[in-house]
Amino acid sequence: MSKRSFRTALIIVIGSLAIVAGVIGYFVHRALSYPDECPDGAHEVGKANARCTSDKELEVEVEVVSGMSFPAIASLLADKKLIERPTWFRLFAMWHGKTTEVKTGKYLIKNTRTPREILDILIAGVKEVTVKVTLPEGKNMLEYFEILEREGVASAKALEALARDKQFLAKYVITGDTIDGYLFPDTYQFRLNAQPQVVLERLLNRHREVWNELVNKHPKDTAKLKDKLGWSDRDILTMASIVEKEAVAAKERPRIAQVFINRLTSPTFKPKKLETDPTIRYGCLVPPQKSAPCVAWIEMCTKVGKPPGCERLRSAQLHDKDNPYNTYEHEGLPPGPISNPGRASIEATLSPDGSDYYFFVATSKGSTEHAFARTMAEHEKNVAKYVQSTND
């Protein structure tokens, strides 16, 4: 090779290396400066504490949900026009080992943020906004869901859909059609706009915690109920839900529980009907399929603006055989819980007082106490004394 050819080749090689070095240098510079670059349409202001600004600055909502991969998060940010190079954003996060530190939640991110600032926001997480919600004893699930929606916790419709979902119920070994009875009444701190599954699982876990505590406290009484009546845990819970609706005074809960148990176990008490109004109301209000008398009763109370006394059950509802929850027409327990009982009613059902009463009636309108009777004759006297005299 001649000297001239060698020099030419050397110049080409050096030139190529210079070009490659320049290209590499360019990309290294871009990669190093990328995290702090302002997005298109924004420009940097200030010197010591420079920041990006724009005449079209907006807050963009981004929701990072559980299970979302970092590439999916980067793509979402690109779709929202918050970043321009999702691959670079991924590489930047990977370089710093931050891809697994992103928190779930709903973010409001300004479209003038740099990639570094966006990553810092996602790692810091959303500041939780919570609300304290009290779910009182004795309400059904629809009433709970109205409260939760009103407080901004979750949609009532979404909660109801999940509460009737067979797969969700099966996960918690709930054999009925709804989650009713298993939502423990208590005061909770919930995140706003929470996932329905998170909300319901919180209530279910609290119920399970209290249930296990009470069963362990009354093992012999629980075994006696199961052996004598052939009841399952769900049957016991169903009875507790009825006690919750009927008993007002705490001291009467064990006695009212015993009254209903006596009706079901005594060989002389026939037919074995619990005859309690709250079961009928539940059958009219909560199940999706409603009998004709139930529909008529509901319409009467809604179409005319709830006139005084409209919620009182009429003969059509009391004698409605198509309502499976009608304990005036059907013997034994209703198909499932009719409310969500609290600790006291569950414990009263597990450990009733052992009395031999079969009947009770309120001692006055709106009273929290009842007069109990062993025979129908005694009960009729109490009704004449406390009910008819009040009506007079």
Foldseek 3Di string as FASTA:
>chain_A
DDPVVVVVVVVVVVVVVVVVVVVVVVVVVCLVCQQVDWAPQWDWDDDPDIFIDHPPKFWFKDFDDPPDFLLNVLVSCVVSQLDPDSVSLVVVCVVVVNRPQFDGDIGTHISGHGSNRVSVDRNVDDDFDKDKFFFDFLAWLLVVLVRCVVRQQEHSVQLFVLQQDPVNCVVVPNPDRGCFQQQAGGIDIGTGHDHSVVNRVVRNVVSVVLVVVLCVVQVPLQVCCCVQVVDDPQQLSQLLSLLRVPADDLVCLLVLLVLLVLLVRPPPRPPSFSQDVLLLLLLLPPDPDHDPLSVVLVCQCPVVPRDPPSNDDDPCSQCPPVRQSNSSPDHDGGPGHSHHHHSSSSNSNSPHDPDQFNDWDAQEVPHNDIDTHNDPVVVVVSCVRRPVVRVD
